[in-house]
PDB file of N, CA and C in Angstrom:
ATOM      1  N   MET A   1      55.251  27.052 -37.678  1.00  0.00           N
ATOM      2  CA  MET A   1      54.739  26.177 -38.704  1.00  0.00           C
ATOM      3  C   MET A   1      54.538  24.767 -38.159  1.00  0.00           C
ATOM      4  N   PHE A   2      55.510  24.236 -37.427  1.00  0.00           N
ATOM      5  CA  PHE A   2      55.434  22.872 -36.927  1.00  0.00           C
ATOM      6  C   PHE A   2      55.130  22.884 -35.443  1.00  0.00           C
ATOM      7  N   LYS A   3      54.644  21.779 -34.931  1.00  0.00           N
ATOM      8  CA  LYS A   3      54.214  21.704 -33.540  1.00  0.00           C
ATOM      9  C   LYS A   3      55.357  21.608 -32.541  1.00  0.00           C
ATOM     10  N   CYS A   4      56.587  21.526 -33.017  1.00  0.00           N
ATOM     11  CA  CYS A   4      57.716  21.261 -32.127  1.00  0.00           C
ATOM     12  C   CYS A   4      58.916  22.099 -32.541  1.00  0.00           C
ATOM     13  N   ASP A   5      59.588  22.696 -31.554  1.00  0.00           N
ATOM     14  CA  ASP A   5      60.816  23.426 -31.835  1.00  0.00           C
ATOM     15  C   ASP A   5      62.048  22.549 -31.689  1.00  0.00           C
ATOM     16  N   GLY A   6      61.896  21.429 -30.960  1.00  0.00           N
ATOM     17  CA  GLY A   6      63.042  20.561 -30.768  1.00  0.00           C
ATOM     18  C   GLY A   6      62.744  19.398 -29.848  1.00  0.00           C
ATOM     19  N   PHE A   7      63.711  18.506 -29.779  1.00  0.00           N
ATOM     20  CA  PHE A   7      63.631  17.324 -28.930  1.00  0.00           C
ATOM     21  C   PHE A   7      65.036  16.760 -28.800  1.00  0.00           C
ATOM     22  N   ILE A   8      65.197  15.681 -28.049  1.00  0.00           N
ATOM     23  CA  ILE A   8      66.514  15.058 -27.918  1.00  0.00           C
ATOM     24  C   ILE A   8      66.466  13.628 -28.426  1.00  0.00           C
ATOM     25  N   VAL A   9      67.618  13.149 -28.898  1.00  0.00           N
ATOM     26  CA  VAL A   9      67.779  11.749 -29.286  1.00  0.00           C
ATOM     27  C   VAL A   9      69.086  11.243 -28.685  1.00  0.00           C
ATOM     28  N   MET A  10      69.132   9.953 -28.456  1.00  0.00           N
ATOM     29  CA  MET A  10      70.334   9.319 -27.908  1.00  0.00           C
ATOM     30  C   MET A  10      71.048   8.605 -29.052  1.00  0.00           C
ATOM     31  N   ILE A  11      72.315   8.942 -29.232  1.00  0.00           N
ATOM     32  CA  ILE A  11      73.140   8.298 -30.253  1.00  0.00           C
ATOM     33  C   ILE A  11      74.428   7.859 -29.579  1.00  0.00           C
ATOM     34  N   ASN A  12      74.632   6.565 -29.481  1.00  0.00           N
ATOM     35  CA  ASN A  12      75.813   5.994 -28.826  1.00  0.00           C
ATOM     36  C   ASN A  12      76.022   6.547 -27.423  1.00  0.00           C
ATOM     37  N   SER A  13      74.981   6.490 -26.626  1.00  0.00           N
ATOM     38  CA  SER A  13      75.002   6.927 -25.224  1.00  0.00           C
ATOM     39  C   SER A  13      75.284   8.416 -25.060  1.00  0.00           C
ATOM     40  N   GLN A  14      75.138   9.178 -26.111  1.00  0.00           N
ATOM     41  CA  GLN A  14      75.317  10.625 -26.057  1.00  0.00           C
ATOM     42  C   GLN A  14      73.990  11.293 -26.392  1.00  0.00           C
ATOM     43  N   VAL A  15      73.590  12.251 -25.568  1.00  0.00           N
ATOM     44  CA  VAL A  15      72.357  12.983 -25.823  1.00  0.00           C
ATOM     45  C   VAL A  15      72.628  14.073 -26.858  1.00  0.00           C
ATOM     46  N   TRP A  16      71.849  14.038 -27.932  1.00  0.00           N
ATOM     47  CA  TRP A  16      71.927  15.045 -28.985  1.00  0.00           C
ATOM     48  C   TRP A  16      70.643  15.866 -28.952  1.00  0.00           C
ATOM     49  N   SER A  17      70.791  17.161 -28.985  1.00  0.00           N
ATOM     50  CA  SER A  17      69.653  18.068 -29.032  1.00  0.00           C
ATOM     51  C   SER A  17      69.312  18.331 -30.497  1.00  0.00           C
ATOM     52  N   VAL A  18      68.059  18.160 -30.844  1.00  0.00           N
ATOM     53  CA  VAL A  18      67.591  18.411 -32.210  1.00  0.00           C
ATOM     54  C   VAL A  18      66.739  19.672 -32.168  1.00  0.00           C
ATOM     55  N   LYS A  19      67.094  20.639 -33.006  1.00  0.00           N
ATOM     56  CA  LYS A  19      66.366  21.901 -33.032  1.00  0.00           C
ATOM     57  C   LYS A  19      65.970  22.244 -34.458  1.00  0.00           C
ATOM     58  N   ILE A  20      64.744  22.705 -34.586  1.00  0.00           N
ATOM     59  CA  ILE A  20      64.268  23.224 -35.866  1.00  0.00           C
ATOM     60  C   ILE A  20      64.416  24.731 -35.791  1.00  0.00           C
ATOM     61  N   ILE A  21      65.181  25.272 -36.732  1.00  0.00           N
ATOM     62  CA  ILE A  21      65.485  26.705 -36.686  1.00  0.00           C
ATOM     63  C   ILE A  21      65.157  27.350 -38.028  1.00  0.00           C
ATOM     64  N   ASN A  22      65.111  28.657 -38.018  1.00  0.00           N
ATOM     65  CA  ASN A  22      64.862  29.406 -39.240  1.00  0.00           C
ATOM     66  C   ASN A  22      65.959  29.095 -40.250  1.00  0.00           C
ATOM     67  N   LEU A  23      65.556  28.890 -41.477  1.00  0.00           N
ATOM     68  CA  LEU A  23      66.519  28.538 -42.524  1.00  0.00           C
ATOM     69  C   LEU A  23      67.590  29.615 -42.715  1.00  0.00           C
ATOM     70  N   ARG A  24      67.291  30.845 -42.359  1.00  0.00           N
ATOM     71  CA  ARG A  24      68.258  31.946 -42.501  1.00  0.00           C
ATOM     72  C   ARG A  24      69.133  32.127 -41.266  1.00  0.00           C
ATOM     73  N   ASP A  25      68.956  31.272 -40.267  1.00  0.00           N
ATOM     74  CA  ASP A  25      69.753  31.348 -39.041  1.00  0.00           C
ATOM     75  C   ASP A  25      71.240  31.212 -39.394  1.00  0.00           C
ATOM     76  N   SER A  26      72.057  32.042 -38.792  1.00  0.00           N
ATOM     77  CA  SER A  26      73.495  32.047 -39.107  1.00  0.00           C
ATOM     78  C   SER A  26      74.174  30.720 -38.777  1.00  0.00           C
ATOM     79  N   ARG A  27      73.569  29.909 -37.899  1.00  0.00           N
ATOM     80  CA  ARG A  27      74.168  28.617 -37.562  1.00  0.00           C
ATOM     81  C   ARG A  27      74.112  27.625 -38.731  1.00  0.00           C
ATOM     82  N   LEU A  28      73.297  27.916 -39.738  1.00  0.00           N
ATOM     83  CA  LEU A  28      73.238  27.060 -40.927  1.00  0.00           C
ATOM     84  C   LEU A  28      74.160  27.556 -42.033  1.00  0.00           C
ATOM     85  N   SER A  29      74.962  28.563 -41.722  1.00  0.00           N
ATOM     86  CA  SER A  29      75.931  29.093 -42.680  1.00  0.00           C
ATOM     87  C   SER A  29      77.336  28.799 -42.197  1.00  0.00           C
ATOM     88  N   THR A  30      78.166  28.349 -43.100  1.00  0.00           N
ATOM     89  CA  THR A  30      79.573  28.100 -42.798  1.00  0.00           C
ATOM     90  C   THR A  30      80.402  28.712 -43.924  1.00  0.00           C
ATOM     91  N   PRO A  31      81.710  28.739 -43.772  1.00  0.00           N
ATOM     92  CA  PRO A  31      82.546  29.226 -44.877  1.00  0.00           C
ATOM     93  C   PRO A  31      82.368  28.400 -46.155  1.00  0.00           C
ATOM     94  N   ASN A  32      81.863  27.177 -46.009  1.00  0.00           N
ATOM     95  CA  ASN A  32      81.647  26.314 -47.175  1.00  0.00           C
ATOM     96  C   ASN A  32      80.288  26.513 -47.826  1.00  0.00           C
ATOM     97  N   GLY A  33      79.430  27.322 -47.245  1.00  0.00           N
ATOM     98  CA  GLY A  33      78.124  27.578 -47.842  1.00  0.00           C
ATOM     99  C   GLY A  33      76.998  27.506 -46.838  1.00  0.00           C
ATOM    100  N   ASP A  34      75.784  27.605 -47.361  1.00  0.00           N
ATOM    101  CA  ASP A  34      74.587  27.536 -46.542  1.00  0.00           C
ATOM    102  C   ASP A  34      73.986  26.142 -46.660  1.00  0.00           C
ATOM    103  N   PHE A  35      73.366  25.675 -45.571  1.00  0.00           N
ATOM    104  CA  PHE A  35      72.872  24.308 -45.524  1.00  0.00           C
ATOM    105  C   PHE A  35      71.439  24.257 -45.012  1.00  0.00           C
ATOM    106  N   TYR A  36      70.767  23.158 -45.288  1.00  0.00           N
ATOM    107  CA  TYR A  36      69.432  22.895 -44.738  1.00  0.00           C
ATOM    108  C   TYR A  36      69.530  22.327 -43.328  1.00  0.00           C
ATOM    109  N   GLY A  37      70.664  21.750 -42.995  1.00  0.00           N
ATOM    110  CA  GLY A  37      70.864  21.180 -41.669  1.00  0.00           C
ATOM    111  C   GLY A  37      72.340  21.065 -41.356  1.00  0.00           C
ATOM    112  N   ILE A  38      72.640  20.998 -40.073  1.00  0.00           N
ATOM    113  CA  ILE A  38      74.033  20.872 -39.631  1.00  0.00           C
ATOM    114  C   ILE A  38      74.074  19.978 -38.395  1.00  0.00           C
ATOM    115  N   CYS A  39      75.100  19.165 -38.317  1.00  0.00           N
ATOM    116  CA  CYS A  39      75.369  18.345 -37.143  1.00  0.00           C
ATOM    117  C   CYS A  39      76.583  18.979 -36.462  1.00  0.00           C
ATOM    118  N   ASN A  40      76.364  19.571 -35.297  1.00  0.00           N
ATOM    119  CA  ASN A  40      77.435  20.260 -34.584  1.00  0.00           C
ATOM    120  C   ASN A  40      78.045  19.301 -33.560  1.00  0.00           C
ATOM    121  N   PHE A  41      79.248  18.835 -33.849  1.00  0.00           N
ATOM    122  CA  PHE A  41      79.907  17.842 -33.002  1.00  0.00           C
ATOM    123  C   PHE A  41      80.397  18.432 -31.682  1.00  0.00           C
ATOM    124  N   ASP A  42      80.611  19.744 -31.634  1.00  0.00           N
ATOM    125  CA  ASP A  42      81.088  20.386 -30.407  1.00  0.00           C
ATOM    126  C   ASP A  42      79.978  20.533 -29.365  1.00  0.00           C
ATOM    127  N   THR A  43      78.762  20.804 -29.828  1.00  0.00           N
ATOM    128  CA  THR A  43      77.651  21.041 -28.912  1.00  0.00           C
ATOM    129  C   THR A  43      76.653  19.879 -28.875  1.00  0.00           C
ATOM    130  N   TYR A  44      76.900  18.855 -29.664  1.00  0.00           N
ATOM    131  CA  TYR A  44      75.974  17.716 -29.780  1.00  0.00           C
ATOM    132  C   TYR A  44      74.570  18.204 -30.138  1.00  0.00           C
ATOM    133  N   GLU A  45      74.527  19.018 -31.188  1.00  0.00           N
ATOM    134  CA  GLU A  45      73.267  19.530 -31.696  1.00  0.00           C
ATOM    135  C   GLU A  45      73.081  19.142 -33.155  1.00  0.00           C
ATOM    136  N   ILE A  46      71.856  18.821 -33.489  1.00  0.00           N
ATOM    137  CA  ILE A  46      71.453  18.646 -34.878  1.00  0.00           C
ATOM    138  C   ILE A  46      70.470  19.771 -35.156  1.00  0.00           C
ATOM    139  N   LEU A  47      70.822  20.621 -36.101  1.00  0.00           N
ATOM    140  CA  LEU A  47      69.996  21.763 -36.457  1.00  0.00           C
ATOM    141  C   LEU A  47      69.394  21.523 -37.830  1.00  0.00           C
ATOM    142  N   VAL A  48      68.084  21.687 -37.928  1.00  0.00           N
ATOM    143  CA  VAL A  48      67.378  21.487 -39.192  1.00  0.00           C
ATOM    144  C   VAL A  48      66.649  22.779 -39.531  1.00  0.00           C
ATOM    145  N   GLY A  49      66.893  23.281 -40.740  1.00  0.00           N
ATOM    146  CA  GLY A  49      66.221  24.497 -41.181  1.00  0.00           C
ATOM    147  C   GLY A  49      64.756  24.238 -41.489  1.00  0.00           C
ATOM    148  N   GLU A  50      63.914  25.138 -41.029  1.00  0.00           N
ATOM    149  CA  GLU A  50      62.482  24.994 -41.240  1.00  0.00           C
ATOM    150  C   GLU A  50      62.114  25.431 -42.654  1.00  0.00           C
ATOM    151  N   VAL A  51      61.502  24.516 -43.380  1.00  0.00           N
ATOM    152  CA  VAL A  51      61.014  24.795 -44.731  1.00  0.00           C
ATOM    153  C   VAL A  51      59.601  24.229 -44.855  1.00  0.00           C
ATOM    154  N   GLU A  52      58.896  24.630 -45.889  1.00  0.00           N
ATOM    155  CA  GLU A  52      57.530  24.148 -46.116  1.00  0.00           C
ATOM    156  C   GLU A  52      57.489  22.649 -46.392  1.00  0.00           C
ATOM    157  N   ASN A  53      58.499  22.139 -47.055  1.00  0.00           N
ATOM    158  CA  ASN A  53      58.523  20.750 -47.495  1.00  0.00           C
ATOM    159  C   ASN A  53      58.952  19.824 -46.348  1.00  0.00           C
ATOM    160  N   LYS A  54      57.984  19.136 -45.738  1.00  0.00           N
ATOM    161  CA  LYS A  54      58.287  18.241 -44.610  1.00  0.00           C
ATOM    162  C   LYS A  54      59.225  17.116 -45.018  1.00  0.00           C
ATOM    163  N   GLN A  55      59.093  16.643 -46.244  1.00  0.00           N
ATOM    164  CA  GLN A  55      59.966  15.566 -46.705  1.00  0.00           C
ATOM    165  C   GLN A  55      61.412  16.041 -46.735  1.00  0.00           C
ATOM    166  N   LYS A  56      61.659  17.249 -47.198  1.00  0.00           N
ATOM    167  CA  LYS A  56      63.013  17.808 -47.235  1.00  0.00           C
ATOM    168  C   LYS A  56      63.585  17.919 -45.823  1.00  0.00           C
ATOM    169  N   MET A  57      62.773  18.378 -44.879  1.00  0.00           N
ATOM    170  CA  MET A  57      63.240  18.501 -43.501  1.00  0.00           C
ATOM    171  C   MET A  57      63.558  17.126 -42.910  1.00  0.00           C
ATOM    172  N   ARG A  58      62.696  16.168 -43.159  1.00  0.00           N
ATOM    173  CA  ARG A  58      62.888  14.820 -42.607  1.00  0.00           C
ATOM    174  C   ARG A  58      64.151  14.180 -43.179  1.00  0.00           C
ATOM    175  N   LEU A  59      64.350  14.300 -44.477  1.00  0.00           N
ATOM    176  CA  LEU A  59      65.558  13.744 -45.098  1.00  0.00           C
ATOM    177  C   LEU A  59      66.814  14.450 -44.595  1.00  0.00           C
ATOM    178  N   THR A  60      66.733  15.757 -44.397  1.00  0.00           N
ATOM    179  CA  THR A  60      67.866  16.508 -43.843  1.00  0.00           C
ATOM    180  C   THR A  60      68.199  16.007 -42.450  1.00  0.00           C
ATOM    181  N   TYR A  61      67.175  15.804 -41.636  1.00  0.00           N
ATOM    182  CA  TYR A  61      67.372  15.284 -40.280  1.00  0.00           C
ATOM    183  C   TYR A  61      68.044  13.914 -40.307  1.00  0.00           C
ATOM    184  N   ILE A  62      67.558  13.015 -41.137  1.00  0.00           N
ATOM    185  CA  ILE A  62      68.158  11.674 -41.232  1.00  0.00           C
ATOM    186  C   ILE A  62      69.615  11.788 -41.655  1.00  0.00           C
ATOM    187  N   HIS A  63      69.885  12.637 -42.614  1.00  0.00           N
ATOM    188  CA  HIS A  63      71.255  12.872 -43.085  1.00  0.00           C
ATOM    189  C   HIS A  63      72.140  13.316 -41.918  1.00  0.00           C
ATOM    190  N   GLU A  64      71.660  14.238 -41.112  1.00  0.00           N
ATOM    191  CA  GLU A  64      72.443  14.750 -39.983  1.00  0.00           C
ATOM    192  C   GLU A  64      72.598  13.704 -38.887  1.00  0.00           C
ATOM    193  N   VAL A  65      71.599  12.860 -38.672  1.00  0.00           N
ATOM    194  CA  VAL A  65      71.722  11.756 -37.710  1.00  0.00           C
ATOM    195  C   VAL A  65      72.858  10.827 -38.131  1.00  0.00           C
ATOM    196  N   VAL A  66      72.954  10.549 -39.414  1.00  0.00           N
ATOM    197  CA  VAL A  66      74.047   9.682 -39.900  1.00  0.00           C
ATOM    198  C   VAL A  66      75.400  10.354 -39.661  1.00  0.00           C
ATOM    199  N   HIS A  67      75.479  11.670 -39.851  1.00  0.00           N
ATOM    200  CA  HIS A  67      76.729  12.375 -39.518  1.00  0.00           C
ATOM    201  C   HIS A  67      77.072  12.177 -38.037  1.00  0.00           C
ATOM    202  N   ALA A  68      76.066  12.275 -37.167  1.00  0.00           N
ATOM    203  CA  ALA A  68      76.300  12.092 -35.728  1.00  0.00           C
ATOM    204  C   ALA A  68      76.796  10.679 -35.429  1.00  0.00           C
ATOM    205  N   ILE A  69      76.239   9.705 -36.098  1.00  0.00           N
ATOM    206  CA  ILE A  69      76.678   8.314 -35.909  1.00  0.00           C
ATOM    207  C   ILE A  69      78.120   8.144 -36.378  1.00  0.00           C
ATOM    208  N   ILE A  70      78.425   8.671 -37.541  1.00  0.00           N
ATOM    209  CA  ILE A  70      79.798   8.577 -38.059  1.00  0.00           C
ATOM    210  C   ILE A  70      80.763   9.266 -37.103  1.00  0.00           C
ATOM    211  N   PHE A  71      80.404  10.458 -36.634  1.00  0.00           N
ATOM    212  CA  PHE A  71      81.244  11.183 -35.697  1.00  0.00           C
ATOM    213  C   PHE A  71      81.493  10.372 -34.430  1.00  0.00           C
ATOM    214  N   SER A  72      80.451   9.729 -33.943  1.00  0.00           N
ATOM    215  CA  SER A  72      80.573   9.013 -32.676  1.00  0.00           C
ATOM    216  C   SER A  72      81.558   7.856 -32.762  1.00  0.00           C
ATOM    217  N   HIS A  73      81.892   7.455 -33.964  1.00  0.00           N
ATOM    218  CA  HIS A  73      82.895   6.402 -34.151  1.00  0.00           C
ATOM    219  C   HIS A  73      84.191   6.917 -34.743  1.00  0.00           C
ATOM    220  N   MET A  74      84.292   8.220 -34.787  1.00  0.00           N
ATOM    221  CA  MET A  74      85.513   8.860 -35.287  1.00  0.00           C
ATOM    222  C   MET A  74      85.828   8.441 -36.723  1.00  0.00           C
ATOM    223  N   LEU A  75      84.824   8.050 -37.454  1.00  0.00           N
ATOM    224  CA  LEU A  75      85.028   7.669 -38.851  1.00  0.00           C
ATOM    225  C   LEU A  75      85.167   8.885 -39.756  1.00  0.00           C
ATOM    226  N   GLU A  76      84.804  10.065 -39.229  1.00  0.00           N
ATOM    227  CA  GLU A  76      84.863  11.253 -40.080  1.00  0.00           C
ATOM    228  C   GLU A  76      86.282  11.566 -40.535  1.00  0.00           C
ATOM    229  N   LYS A  77      87.274  10.990 -39.886  1.00  0.00           N
ATOM    230  CA  LYS A  77      88.658  11.254 -40.275  1.00  0.00           C
ATOM    231  C   LYS A  77      89.036  10.558 -41.580  1.00  0.00           C
ATOM    232  N   LYS A  78      88.271   9.545 -41.940  1.00  0.00           N
ATOM    233  CA  LYS A  78      88.533   8.847 -43.193  1.00  0.00           C
ATOM    234  C   LYS A  78      87.904   9.615 -44.347  1.00  0.00           C
ATOM    235  N   LYS A  79      88.511   9.525 -45.499  1.00  0.00           N
ATOM    236  CA  LYS A  79      87.975  10.202 -46.684  1.00  0.00           C
ATOM    237  C   LYS A  79      87.187   9.242 -47.574  1.00  0.00           C
ATOM    238  N   HIS A  80      87.510   7.973 -47.508  1.00  0.00           N
ATOM    239  CA  HIS A  80      86.851   6.990 -48.363  1.00  0.00           C
ATOM    240  C   HIS A  80      86.476   5.777 -47.522  1.00  0.00           C
ATOM    241  N   TYR A  81      85.329   5.224 -47.833  1.00  0.00           N
ATOM    242  CA  TYR A  81      84.854   4.068 -47.095  1.00  0.00           C
ATOM    243  C   TYR A  81      84.646   2.915 -48.063  1.00  0.00           C
ATOM    244  N   LYS A  82      84.997   1.744 -47.618  1.00  0.00           N
ATOM    245  CA  LYS A  82      84.770   0.550 -48.420  1.00  0.00           C
ATOM    246  C   LYS A  82      83.320   0.131 -48.277  1.00  0.00           C
ATOM    247  N   GLU A  83      82.835  -0.578 -49.255  1.00  0.00           N
ATOM    248  CA  GLU A  83      81.446  -1.048 -49.241  1.00  0.00           C
ATOM    249  C   GLU A  83      81.129  -1.822 -47.969  1.00  0.00           C
ATOM    250  N   GLU A  84      82.037  -2.656 -47.520  1.00  0.00           N
ATOM    251  CA  GLU A  84      81.811  -3.443 -46.311  1.00  0.00           C
ATOM    252  C   GLU A  84      81.703  -2.558 -45.072  1.00  0.00           C
ATOM    253  N   GLU A  85      82.492  -1.495 -45.025  1.00  0.00           N
ATOM    254  CA  GLU A  85      82.426  -0.574 -43.889  1.00  0.00           C
ATOM    255  C   GLU A  85      81.073   0.136 -43.841  1.00  0.00           C
ATOM    256  N   ILE A  86      80.583   0.549 -44.987  1.00  0.00           N
ATOM    257  CA  ILE A  86      79.281   1.211 -45.049  1.00  0.00           C
ATOM    258  C   ILE A  86      78.177   0.226 -44.670  1.00  0.00           C
ATOM    259  N   SER A  87      78.259  -0.988 -45.193  1.00  0.00           N
ATOM    260  CA  SER A  87      77.260  -2.006 -44.869  1.00  0.00           C
ATOM    261  C   SER A  87      77.254  -2.311 -43.376  1.00  0.00           C
ATOM    262  N   GLU A  88      78.413  -2.406 -42.782  1.00  0.00           N
ATOM    263  CA  GLU A  88      78.518  -2.669 -41.341  1.00  0.00           C
ATOM    264  C   GLU A  88      77.927  -1.515 -40.532  1.00  0.00           C
ATOM    265  N   LEU A  89      78.217  -0.293 -40.939  1.00  0.00           N
ATOM    266  CA  LEU A  89      77.680   0.874 -40.249  1.00  0.00           C
ATOM    267  C   LEU A  89      76.153   0.874 -40.285  1.00  0.00           C
ATOM    268  N   VAL A  90      75.586   0.631 -41.456  1.00  0.00           N
ATOM    269  CA  VAL A  90      74.129   0.608 -41.584  1.00  0.00           C
ATOM    270  C   VAL A  90      73.533  -0.524 -40.757  1.00  0.00           C
ATOM    271  N   ALA A  91      74.126  -1.700 -40.816  1.00  0.00           N
ATOM    272  CA  ALA A  91      73.610  -2.836 -40.052  1.00  0.00           C
ATOM    273  C   ALA A  91      73.679  -2.562 -38.549  1.00  0.00           C
ATOM    274  N   LYS A  92      74.786  -2.016 -38.105  1.00  0.00           N
ATOM    275  CA  LYS A  92      74.979  -1.776 -36.682  1.00  0.00           C
ATOM    276  C   LYS A  92      74.052  -0.695 -36.146  1.00  0.00           C
ATOM    277  N   TYR A  93      73.761   0.317 -36.960  1.00  0.00           N
ATOM    278  CA  TYR A  93      73.003   1.474 -36.498  1.00  0.00           C
ATOM    279  C   TYR A  93      71.609   1.583 -37.083  1.00  0.00           C
ATOM    280  N   PHE A  94      71.128   0.520 -37.681  1.00  0.00           N
ATOM    281  CA  PHE A  94      69.790   0.536 -38.249  1.00  0.00           C
ATOM    282  C   PHE A  94      68.749   0.930 -37.193  1.00  0.00           C
ATOM    283  N   HIS A  95      68.828   0.310 -36.019  1.00  0.00           N
ATOM    284  CA  HIS A  95      67.850   0.608 -34.968  1.00  0.00           C
ATOM    285  C   HIS A  95      68.008   2.028 -34.428  1.00  0.00           C
ATOM    286  N   THR A  96      69.223   2.506 -34.311  1.00  0.00           N
ATOM    287  CA  THR A  96      69.445   3.880 -33.860  1.00  0.00           C
ATOM    288  C   THR A  96      68.790   4.858 -34.830  1.00  0.00           C
ATOM    289  N   ILE A  97      68.996   4.625 -36.116  1.00  0.00           N
ATOM    290  CA  ILE A  97      68.405   5.497 -37.132  1.00  0.00           C
ATOM    291  C   ILE A  97      66.885   5.384 -37.097  1.00  0.00           C
ATOM    292  N   THR A  98      66.382   4.164 -36.979  1.00  0.00           N
ATOM    293  CA  THR A  98      64.933   3.950 -36.937  1.00  0.00           C
ATOM    294  C   THR A  98      64.309   4.684 -35.755  1.00  0.00           C
ATOM    295  N   TYR A  99      64.902   4.555 -34.570  1.00  0.00           N
ATOM    296  CA  TYR A  99      64.375   5.241 -33.391  1.00  0.00           C
ATOM    297  C   TYR A  99      64.463   6.760 -33.545  1.00  0.00           C
ATOM    298  N   ALA A 100      65.561   7.234 -34.084  1.00  0.00           N
ATOM    299  CA  ALA A 100      65.713   8.677 -34.283  1.00  0.00           C
ATOM    300  C   ALA A 100      64.635   9.202 -35.232  1.00  0.00           C
ATOM    301  N   VAL A 101      64.334   8.451 -36.267  1.00  0.00           N
ATOM    302  CA  VAL A 101      63.296   8.864 -37.215  1.00  0.00           C
ATOM    303  C   VAL A 101      61.914   8.798 -36.554  1.00  0.00           C
ATOM    304  N   GLN A 102      61.689   7.809 -35.710  1.00  0.00           N
ATOM    305  CA  GLN A 102      60.408   7.735 -34.989  1.00  0.00           C
ATOM    306  C   GLN A 102      60.222   8.951 -34.084  1.00  0.00           C
ATOM    307  N   PHE A 103      61.292   9.403 -33.438  1.00  0.00           N
ATOM    308  CA  PHE A 103      61.206  10.612 -32.615  1.00  0.00           C
ATOM    309  C   PHE A 103      60.835  11.810 -33.484  1.00  0.00           C
ATOM    310  N   TRP A 104      61.443  11.905 -34.648  1.00  0.00           N
ATOM    311  CA  TRP A 104      61.110  12.996 -35.578  1.00  0.00           C
ATOM    312  C   TRP A 104      59.622  12.942 -35.922  1.00  0.00           C
ATOM    313  N   ASP A 105      59.164  11.758 -36.303  1.00  0.00           N
ATOM    314  CA  ASP A 105      57.774  11.613 -36.728  1.00  0.00           C
ATOM    315  C   ASP A 105      56.792  11.937 -35.606  1.00  0.00           C
ATOM    316  N   MET A 106      57.131  11.565 -34.376  1.00  0.00           N
ATOM    317  CA  MET A 106      56.260  11.857 -33.239  1.00  0.00           C
ATOM    318  C   MET A 106      56.253  13.339 -32.891  1.00  0.00           C
ATOM    319  N   ASN A 107      57.399  14.001 -33.043  1.00  0.00           N
ATOM    320  CA  ASN A 107      57.535  15.382 -32.608  1.00  0.00           C
ATOM    321  C   ASN A 107      57.270  16.417 -33.691  1.00  0.00           C
ATOM    322  N   VAL A 108      57.640  16.094 -34.903  1.00  0.00           N
ATOM    323  CA  VAL A 108      57.509  17.050 -35.992  1.00  0.00           C
ATOM    324  C   VAL A 108      56.417  16.618 -36.966  1.00  0.00           C
ATOM    325  N   GLY A 109      56.318  15.326 -37.174  1.00  0.00           N
ATOM    326  CA  GLY A 109      55.339  14.809 -38.138  1.00  0.00           C
ATOM    327  C   GLY A 109      56.001  14.540 -39.467  1.00  0.00           C
ATOM    328  N   GLY A 110      55.222  14.005 -40.357  1.00  0.00           N
ATOM    329  CA  GLY A 110      55.726  13.765 -41.699  1.00  0.00           C
ATOM    330  C   GLY A 110      56.078  12.328 -41.969  1.00  0.00           C
ATOM    331  N   GLU A 111      55.632  11.409 -41.092  1.00  0.00           N
ATOM    332  CA  GLU A 111      55.993  10.005 -41.295  1.00  0.00           C
ATOM    333  C   GLU A 111      55.427   9.448 -42.575  1.00  0.00           C
ATOM    334  N   ASP A 112      54.436  10.110 -43.136  1.00  0.00           N
ATOM    335  CA  ASP A 112      53.828   9.619 -44.364  1.00  0.00           C
ATOM    336  C   ASP A 112      54.410  10.253 -45.621  1.00  0.00           C
ATOM    337  N   VAL A 113      55.442  11.054 -45.485  1.00  0.00           N
ATOM    338  CA  VAL A 113      55.943  11.791 -46.650  1.00  0.00           C
ATOM    339  C   VAL A 113      56.945  11.008 -47.483  1.00  0.00           C
ATOM    340  N   ILE A 114      57.538   9.964 -46.935  1.00  0.00           N
ATOM    341  CA  ILE A 114      58.490   9.179 -47.717  1.00  0.00           C
ATOM    342  C   ILE A 114      57.841   7.863 -48.076  1.00  0.00           C
ATOM    343  N   LYS A 115      57.682   7.639 -49.331  1.00  0.00           N
ATOM    344  CA  LYS A 115      57.041   6.408 -49.814  1.00  0.00           C
ATOM    345  C   LYS A 115      58.064   5.520 -50.471  1.00  0.00           C
TER     346      LYS A 115
END
């Protein structure tokens, strides 16, 4: 369906492999349920399920990139974040997220789907 099966992005000096996979792929299933995307911290992979809706895929990818950023700072161990912590995270990683989204748009397309 899409012109690209995958690409890589750099998040905090770590190479993450981004792969678009079949939505029914077992890697998108966990004991907690089925997902549109997963950020695998053990393999440094971001997996996005292929669906017709490019906007859904793009938003899923961005969501998983943020998980990778949080993981890279070991913040995942916290259960609650203060407003200032979230604001600092967004400010610090705005460019990382922007570049990651540009890679998505160049490789998969859909830069015009979010208005």
